[in-house]
Amino acid sequence: MPDELKANELGTAPKRMAIRWVKSAIGYNVRQKRTLKALGLTKLGQVVVHDDTPAVRGMIRAVIHLVQVEEQP
């Protein structure tokens, strides 16, 4: 069963992460640029919020040198 369903059954919300794009992707691989777009980042300095899931963590790991991550309560 997915973690989101377990968290909702317990009456708590899943953890959230704020992802800020802090470094330009110019000169980096196209795959990393596509990962930024898949995370919902379209402009430098933009912040998006996602649930803390293994899929999102994997995307962040691929572009960790371009983003800054904060966990939200």
PDB file of N, CA and C in Angstrom:
ATOM      1  N   MET A   1       0.845  -1.178   0.000  1.00  0.00           N
ATOM      2  CA  MET A   1       0.000   0.000   0.000  1.00  0.00           C
ATOM      3  C   MET A   1       0.889   1.240   0.000  1.00  0.00           C
ATOM      4  N   PRO A   2       0.592   2.252  -0.820  1.00  0.00           N
ATOM      5  CA  PRO A   2       1.416   3.455  -0.882  1.00  0.00           C
ATOM      6  C   PRO A   2       1.442   4.198   0.455  1.00  0.00           C
ATOM      7  N   ASP A   3       2.543   4.915   0.690  1.00  0.00           N
ATOM      8  CA  ASP A   3       2.703   5.669   1.935  1.00  0.00           C
ATOM      9  C   ASP A   3       1.633   6.735   2.099  1.00  0.00           C
ATOM     10  N   GLU A   4       1.164   7.324   0.974  1.00  0.00           N
ATOM     11  CA  GLU A   4       0.149   8.362   1.071  1.00  0.00           C
ATOM     12  C   GLU A   4      -1.126   7.812   1.696  1.00  0.00           C
ATOM     13  N   LEU A   5      -1.498   6.601   1.302  1.00  0.00           N
ATOM     14  CA  LEU A   5      -2.710   6.010   1.853  1.00  0.00           C
ATOM     15  C   LEU A   5      -2.531   5.685   3.325  1.00  0.00           C
ATOM     16  N   LYS A   6      -1.371   5.178   3.705  1.00  0.00           N
ATOM     17  CA  LYS A   6      -1.105   4.881   5.106  1.00  0.00           C
ATOM     18  C   LYS A   6      -1.175   6.147   5.945  1.00  0.00           C
ATOM     19  N   ALA A   7      -0.599   7.235   5.453  1.00  0.00           N
ATOM     20  CA  ALA A   7      -0.592   8.483   6.199  1.00  0.00           C
ATOM     21  C   ALA A   7      -2.014   9.009   6.365  1.00  0.00           C
ATOM     22  N   ASN A   8      -2.840   8.899   5.322  1.00  0.00           N
ATOM     23  CA  ASN A   8      -4.207   9.382   5.406  1.00  0.00           C
ATOM     24  C   ASN A   8      -5.047   8.533   6.347  1.00  0.00           C
ATOM     25  N   GLU A   9      -4.794   7.243   6.402  1.00  0.00           N
ATOM     26  CA  GLU A   9      -5.533   6.379   7.310  1.00  0.00           C
ATOM     27  C   GLU A   9      -5.243   6.738   8.758  1.00  0.00           C
ATOM     28  N   LEU A  10      -4.020   7.184   9.039  1.00  0.00           N
ATOM     29  CA  LEU A  10      -3.635   7.561  10.392  1.00  0.00           C
ATOM     30  C   LEU A  10      -4.093   8.971  10.743  1.00  0.00           C
ATOM     31  N   GLY A  11      -4.632   9.686   9.777  1.00  0.00           N
ATOM     32  CA  GLY A  11      -5.104  11.032  10.017  1.00  0.00           C
ATOM     33  C   GLY A  11      -4.010  12.083   9.911  1.00  0.00           C
ATOM     34  N   THR A  12      -2.858  11.726   9.355  1.00  0.00           N
ATOM     35  CA  THR A  12      -1.785  12.694   9.179  1.00  0.00           C
ATOM     36  C   THR A  12      -1.528  12.870   7.692  1.00  0.00           C
ATOM     37  N   ALA A  13      -1.066  14.044   7.330  1.00  0.00           N
ATOM     38  CA  ALA A  13      -0.769  14.326   5.931  1.00  0.00           C
ATOM     39  C   ALA A  13       0.639  13.834   5.594  1.00  0.00           C
ATOM     40  N   PRO A  14       0.889  13.477   4.336  1.00  0.00           N
ATOM     41  CA  PRO A  14       2.253  13.075   3.946  1.00  0.00           C
ATOM     42  C   PRO A  14       3.205  14.262   4.047  1.00  0.00           C
ATOM     43  N   LYS A  15       4.487  13.977   4.248  1.00  0.00           N
ATOM     44  CA  LYS A  15       5.483  15.049   4.318  1.00  0.00           C
ATOM     45  C   LYS A  15       5.557  15.752   2.975  1.00  0.00           C
ATOM     46  N   ARG A  16       5.887  17.035   3.023  1.00  0.00           N
ATOM     47  CA  ARG A  16       6.000  17.844   1.819  1.00  0.00           C
ATOM     48  C   ARG A  16       7.414  18.394   1.724  1.00  0.00           C
ATOM     49  N   MET A  17       7.850  18.668   0.498  1.00  0.00           N
ATOM     50  CA  MET A  17       9.172  19.234   0.267  1.00  0.00           C
ATOM     51  C   MET A  17       9.040  20.429  -0.659  1.00  0.00           C
ATOM     52  N   ALA A  18       9.716  21.526  -0.292  1.00  0.00           N
ATOM     53  CA  ALA A  18       9.772  22.706  -1.150  1.00  0.00           C
ATOM     54  C   ALA A  18      11.078  22.634  -1.933  1.00  0.00           C
ATOM     55  N   ILE A  19      10.978  22.723  -3.246  1.00  0.00           N
ATOM     56  CA  ILE A  19      12.135  22.615  -4.122  1.00  0.00           C
ATOM     57  C   ILE A  19      12.318  23.948  -4.847  1.00  0.00           C
ATOM     58  N   ARG A  20      13.478  24.566  -4.661  1.00  0.00           N
ATOM     59  CA  ARG A  20      13.784  25.857  -5.293  1.00  0.00           C
ATOM     60  C   ARG A  20      14.876  25.658  -6.333  1.00  0.00           C
ATOM     61  N   TRP A  21      14.634  26.173  -7.552  1.00  0.00           N
ATOM     62  CA  TRP A  21      15.629  26.106  -8.621  1.00  0.00           C
ATOM     63  C   TRP A  21      16.607  27.261  -8.412  1.00  0.00           C
ATOM     64  N   VAL A  22      17.897  26.940  -8.122  1.00  0.00           N
ATOM     65  CA  VAL A  22      18.862  27.974  -7.751  1.00  0.00           C
ATOM     66  C   VAL A  22      20.009  28.155  -8.741  1.00  0.00           C
ATOM     67  N   LYS A  23      20.209  27.219  -9.647  1.00  0.00           N
ATOM     68  CA  LYS A  23      21.325  27.330 -10.600  1.00  0.00           C
ATOM     69  C   LYS A  23      20.827  27.006 -12.003  1.00  0.00           C
ATOM     70  N   SER A  24      21.293  27.773 -12.978  1.00  0.00           N
ATOM     71  CA  SER A  24      20.871  27.583 -14.357  1.00  0.00           C
ATOM     72  C   SER A  24      21.291  26.213 -14.891  1.00  0.00           C
ATOM     73  N   ALA A  25      20.470  25.667 -15.764  1.00  0.00           N
ATOM     74  CA  ALA A  25      20.747  24.364 -16.367  1.00  0.00           C
ATOM     75  C   ALA A  25      21.493  24.489 -17.692  1.00  0.00           C
ATOM     76  N   ILE A  26      21.904  25.711 -18.058  1.00  0.00           N
ATOM     77  CA  ILE A  26      22.664  25.907 -19.289  1.00  0.00           C
ATOM     78  C   ILE A  26      23.981  25.151 -19.180  1.00  0.00           C
ATOM     79  N   GLY A  27      24.286  24.369 -20.190  1.00  0.00           N
ATOM     80  CA  GLY A  27      25.531  23.616 -20.207  1.00  0.00           C
ATOM     81  C   GLY A  27      25.409  22.233 -19.591  1.00  0.00           C
ATOM     82  N   TYR A  28      24.234  21.902 -19.071  1.00  0.00           N
ATOM     83  CA  TYR A  28      24.011  20.587 -18.497  1.00  0.00           C
ATOM     84  C   TYR A  28      23.230  19.716 -19.473  1.00  0.00           C
ATOM     85  N   ASN A  29      23.211  18.442 -19.186  1.00  0.00           N
ATOM     86  CA  ASN A  29      22.578  17.436 -20.025  1.00  0.00           C
ATOM     87  C   ASN A  29      21.080  17.737 -20.221  1.00  0.00           C
ATOM     88  N   VAL A  30      20.555  17.414 -21.383  1.00  0.00           N
ATOM     89  CA  VAL A  30      19.131  17.610 -21.689  1.00  0.00           C
ATOM     90  C   VAL A  30      18.266  16.816 -20.711  1.00  0.00           C
ATOM     91  N   ARG A  31      18.741  15.673 -20.297  1.00  0.00           N
ATOM     92  CA  ARG A  31      17.976  14.839 -19.364  1.00  0.00           C
ATOM     93  C   ARG A  31      17.747  15.574 -18.036  1.00  0.00           C
ATOM     94  N   GLN A  32      18.747  16.330 -17.582  1.00  0.00           N
ATOM     95  CA  GLN A  32      18.593  17.087 -16.346  1.00  0.00           C
ATOM     96  C   GLN A  32      17.617  18.246 -16.533  1.00  0.00           C
ATOM     97  N   LYS A  33      17.627  18.854 -17.703  1.00  0.00           N
ATOM     98  CA  LYS A  33      16.680  19.925 -17.994  1.00  0.00           C
ATOM     99  C   LYS A  33      15.252  19.384 -18.002  1.00  0.00           C
ATOM    100  N   ARG A  34      15.083  18.192 -18.548  1.00  0.00           N
ATOM    101  CA  ARG A  34      13.756  17.570 -18.569  1.00  0.00           C
ATOM    102  C   ARG A  34      13.302  17.189 -17.169  1.00  0.00           C
ATOM    103  N   THR A  35      14.236  16.802 -16.320  1.00  0.00           N
ATOM    104  CA  THR A  35      13.894  16.469 -14.936  1.00  0.00           C
ATOM    105  C   THR A  35      13.397  17.707 -14.205  1.00  0.00           C
ATOM    106  N   LEU A  36      14.037  18.848 -14.426  1.00  0.00           N
ATOM    107  CA  LEU A  36      13.567  20.100 -13.819  1.00  0.00           C
ATOM    108  C   LEU A  36      12.145  20.405 -14.267  1.00  0.00           C
ATOM    109  N   LYS A  37      11.896  20.220 -15.551  1.00  0.00           N
ATOM    110  CA  LYS A  37      10.557  20.485 -16.082  1.00  0.00           C
ATOM    111  C   LYS A  37       9.538  19.509 -15.492  1.00  0.00           C
ATOM    112  N   ALA A  38       9.926  18.246 -15.317  1.00  0.00           N
ATOM    113  CA  ALA A  38       9.035  17.245 -14.739  1.00  0.00           C
ATOM    114  C   ALA A  38       8.703  17.565 -13.282  1.00  0.00           C
ATOM    115  N   LEU A  39       9.629  18.229 -12.599  1.00  0.00           N
ATOM    116  CA  LEU A  39       9.365  18.658 -11.228  1.00  0.00           C
ATOM    117  C   LEU A  39       8.447  19.876 -11.188  1.00  0.00           C
ATOM    118  N   GLY A  40       8.212  20.489 -12.335  1.00  0.00           N
ATOM    119  CA  GLY A  40       7.332  21.650 -12.404  1.00  0.00           C
ATOM    120  C   GLY A  40       8.073  22.969 -12.350  1.00  0.00           C
ATOM    121  N   LEU A  41       9.388  22.923 -12.495  1.00  0.00           N
ATOM    122  CA  LEU A  41      10.198  24.138 -12.447  1.00  0.00           C
ATOM    123  C   LEU A  41      10.369  24.689 -13.861  1.00  0.00           C
ATOM    124  N   THR A  42       9.961  25.935 -14.068  1.00  0.00           N
ATOM    125  CA  THR A  42      10.058  26.540 -15.387  1.00  0.00           C
ATOM    126  C   THR A  42      10.933  27.781 -15.403  1.00  0.00           C
ATOM    127  N   LYS A  43      11.140  28.415 -14.226  1.00  0.00           N
ATOM    128  CA  LYS A  43      11.938  29.639 -14.164  1.00  0.00           C
ATOM    129  C   LYS A  43      12.926  29.550 -13.013  1.00  0.00           C
ATOM    130  N   LEU A  44      14.088  30.097 -13.203  1.00  0.00           N
ATOM    131  CA  LEU A  44      15.105  30.144 -12.173  1.00  0.00           C
ATOM    132  C   LEU A  44      14.566  30.926 -10.972  1.00  0.00           C
ATOM    133  N   GLY A  45      14.753  30.385  -9.776  1.00  0.00           N
ATOM    134  CA  GLY A  45      14.260  31.023  -8.563  1.00  0.00           C
ATOM    135  C   GLY A  45      12.874  30.563  -8.149  1.00  0.00           C
ATOM    136  N   GLN A  46      12.219  29.799  -8.996  1.00  0.00           N
ATOM    137  CA  GLN A  46      10.869  29.316  -8.722  1.00  0.00           C
ATOM    138  C   GLN A  46      10.889  28.248  -7.634  1.00  0.00           C
ATOM    139  N   VAL A  47       9.812  28.186  -6.842  1.00  0.00           N
ATOM    140  CA  VAL A  47       9.675  27.178  -5.792  1.00  0.00           C
ATOM    141  C   VAL A  47       8.423  26.361  -6.070  1.00  0.00           C
ATOM    142  N   VAL A  48       8.556  25.033  -5.995  1.00  0.00           N
ATOM    143  CA  VAL A  48       7.406  24.135  -6.106  1.00  0.00           C
ATOM    144  C   VAL A  48       7.381  23.242  -4.877  1.00  0.00           C
ATOM    145  N   VAL A  49       6.202  22.759  -4.525  1.00  0.00           N
ATOM    146  CA  VAL A  49       6.045  21.890  -3.365  1.00  0.00           C
ATOM    147  C   VAL A  49       5.510  20.545  -3.836  1.00  0.00           C
ATOM    148  N   HIS A  50       6.181  19.466  -3.406  1.00  0.00           N
ATOM    149  CA  HIS A  50       5.788  18.109  -3.770  1.00  0.00           C
ATOM    150  C   HIS A  50       5.713  17.245  -2.518  1.00  0.00           C
ATOM    151  N   ASP A  51       4.939  16.159  -2.597  1.00  0.00           N
ATOM    152  CA  ASP A  51       4.949  15.163  -1.539  1.00  0.00           C
ATOM    153  C   ASP A  51       6.304  14.475  -1.511  1.00  0.00           C
ATOM    154  N   ASP A  52       6.703  14.036  -0.327  1.00  0.00           N
ATOM    155  CA  ASP A  52       7.978  13.338  -0.160  1.00  0.00           C
ATOM    156  C   ASP A  52       7.779  11.871  -0.536  1.00  0.00           C
ATOM    157  N   THR A  53       8.034  11.549  -1.808  1.00  0.00           N
ATOM    158  CA  THR A  53       7.888  10.182  -2.303  1.00  0.00           C
ATOM    159  C   THR A  53       9.215   9.717  -2.890  1.00  0.00           C
ATOM    160  N   PRO A  54       9.424   8.421  -3.022  1.00  0.00           N
ATOM    161  CA  PRO A  54      10.663   7.929  -3.622  1.00  0.00           C
ATOM    162  C   PRO A  54      10.885   8.440  -5.043  1.00  0.00           C
ATOM    163  N   ALA A  55       9.827   8.595  -5.824  1.00  0.00           N
ATOM    164  CA  ALA A  55       9.963   9.079  -7.199  1.00  0.00           C
ATOM    165  C   ALA A  55      10.480  10.514  -7.223  1.00  0.00           C
ATOM    166  N   VAL A  56       9.929  11.359  -6.376  1.00  0.00           N
ATOM    167  CA  VAL A  56      10.359  12.755  -6.324  1.00  0.00           C
ATOM    168  C   VAL A  56      11.783  12.839  -5.787  1.00  0.00           C
ATOM    169  N   ARG A  57      12.108  12.031  -4.783  1.00  0.00           N
ATOM    170  CA  ARG A  57      13.475  12.024  -4.245  1.00  0.00           C
ATOM    171  C   ARG A  57      14.488  11.609  -5.323  1.00  0.00           C
ATOM    172  N   GLY A  58      14.118  10.675  -6.180  1.00  0.00           N
ATOM    173  CA  GLY A  58      15.004  10.260  -7.265  1.00  0.00           C
ATOM    174  C   GLY A  58      15.230  11.371  -8.266  1.00  0.00           C
ATOM    175  N   MET A  59      14.168  12.119  -8.586  1.00  0.00           N
ATOM    176  CA  MET A  59      14.319  13.248  -9.514  1.00  0.00           C
ATOM    177  C   MET A  59      15.198  14.329  -8.890  1.00  0.00           C
ATOM    178  N   ILE A  60      15.019  14.584  -7.605  1.00  0.00           N
ATOM    179  CA  ILE A  60      15.836  15.585  -6.928  1.00  0.00           C
ATOM    180  C   ILE A  60      17.299  15.158  -6.927  1.00  0.00           C
ATOM    181  N   ARG A  61      17.556  13.883  -6.696  1.00  0.00           N
ATOM    182  CA  ARG A  61      18.928  13.382  -6.677  1.00  0.00           C
ATOM    183  C   ARG A  61      19.617  13.607  -8.023  1.00  0.00           C
ATOM    184  N   ALA A  62      18.855  13.559  -9.109  1.00  0.00           N
ATOM    185  CA  ALA A  62      19.428  13.743 -10.445  1.00  0.00           C
ATOM    186  C   ALA A  62      19.831  15.193 -10.714  1.00  0.00           C
ATOM    187  N   VAL A  63      19.197  16.139 -10.017  1.00  0.00           N
ATOM    188  CA  VAL A  63      19.482  17.556 -10.254  1.00  0.00           C
ATOM    189  C   VAL A  63      19.839  18.294  -8.966  1.00  0.00           C
ATOM    190  N   ILE A  64      20.382  17.580  -7.979  1.00  0.00           N
ATOM    191  CA  ILE A  64      20.658  18.175  -6.669  1.00  0.00           C
ATOM    192  C   ILE A  64      21.632  19.350  -6.771  1.00  0.00           C
ATOM    193  N   HIS A  65      22.487  19.365  -7.790  1.00  0.00           N
ATOM    194  CA  HIS A  65      23.436  20.453  -7.975  1.00  0.00           C
ATOM    195  C   HIS A  65      22.775  21.719  -8.529  1.00  0.00           C
ATOM    196  N   LEU A  66      21.501  21.617  -8.931  1.00  0.00           N
ATOM    197  CA  LEU A  66      20.783  22.760  -9.505  1.00  0.00           C
ATOM    198  C   LEU A  66      19.667  23.278  -8.601  1.00  0.00           C
ATOM    199  N   VAL A  67      19.303  22.528  -7.570  1.00  0.00           N
ATOM    200  CA  VAL A  67      18.159  22.889  -6.732  1.00  0.00           C
ATOM    201  C   VAL A  67      18.546  22.925  -5.261  1.00  0.00           C
ATOM    202  N   GLN A  68      17.650  23.526  -4.482  1.00  0.00           N
ATOM    203  CA  GLN A  68      17.775  23.558  -3.037  1.00  0.00           C
ATOM    204  C   GLN A  68      16.479  22.982  -2.482  1.00  0.00           C
ATOM    205  N   VAL A  69      16.571  22.111  -1.485  1.00  0.00           N
ATOM    206  CA  VAL A  69      15.395  21.402  -0.975  1.00  0.00           C
ATOM    207  C   VAL A  69      15.198  21.712   0.501  1.00  0.00           C
ATOM    208  N   GLU A  70      13.940  22.000   0.862  1.00  0.00           N
ATOM    209  CA  GLU A  70      13.558  22.199   2.262  1.00  0.00           C
ATOM    210  C   GLU A  70      12.400  21.263   2.572  1.00  0.00           C
ATOM    211  N   GLU A  71      12.493  20.586   3.697  1.00  0.00           N
ATOM    212  CA  GLU A  71      11.355  19.767   4.127  1.00  0.00           C
ATOM    213  C   GLU A  71      10.398  20.655   4.883  1.00  0.00           C
ATOM    214  N   GLN A  72       9.127  20.474   4.634  1.00  0.00           N
ATOM    215  CA  GLN A  72       8.104  21.262   5.312  1.00  0.00           C
ATOM    216  C   GLN A  72       7.415  20.395   6.351  1.00  0.00           C
ATOM    217  N   PRO A  73       6.991  21.002   7.448  1.00  0.00           N
ATOM    218  CA  PRO A  73       6.313  20.208   8.504  1.00  0.00           C
ATOM    219  C   PRO A  73       4.973  19.691   8.080  1.00  0.00           C
TER     220      PRO A  73
END
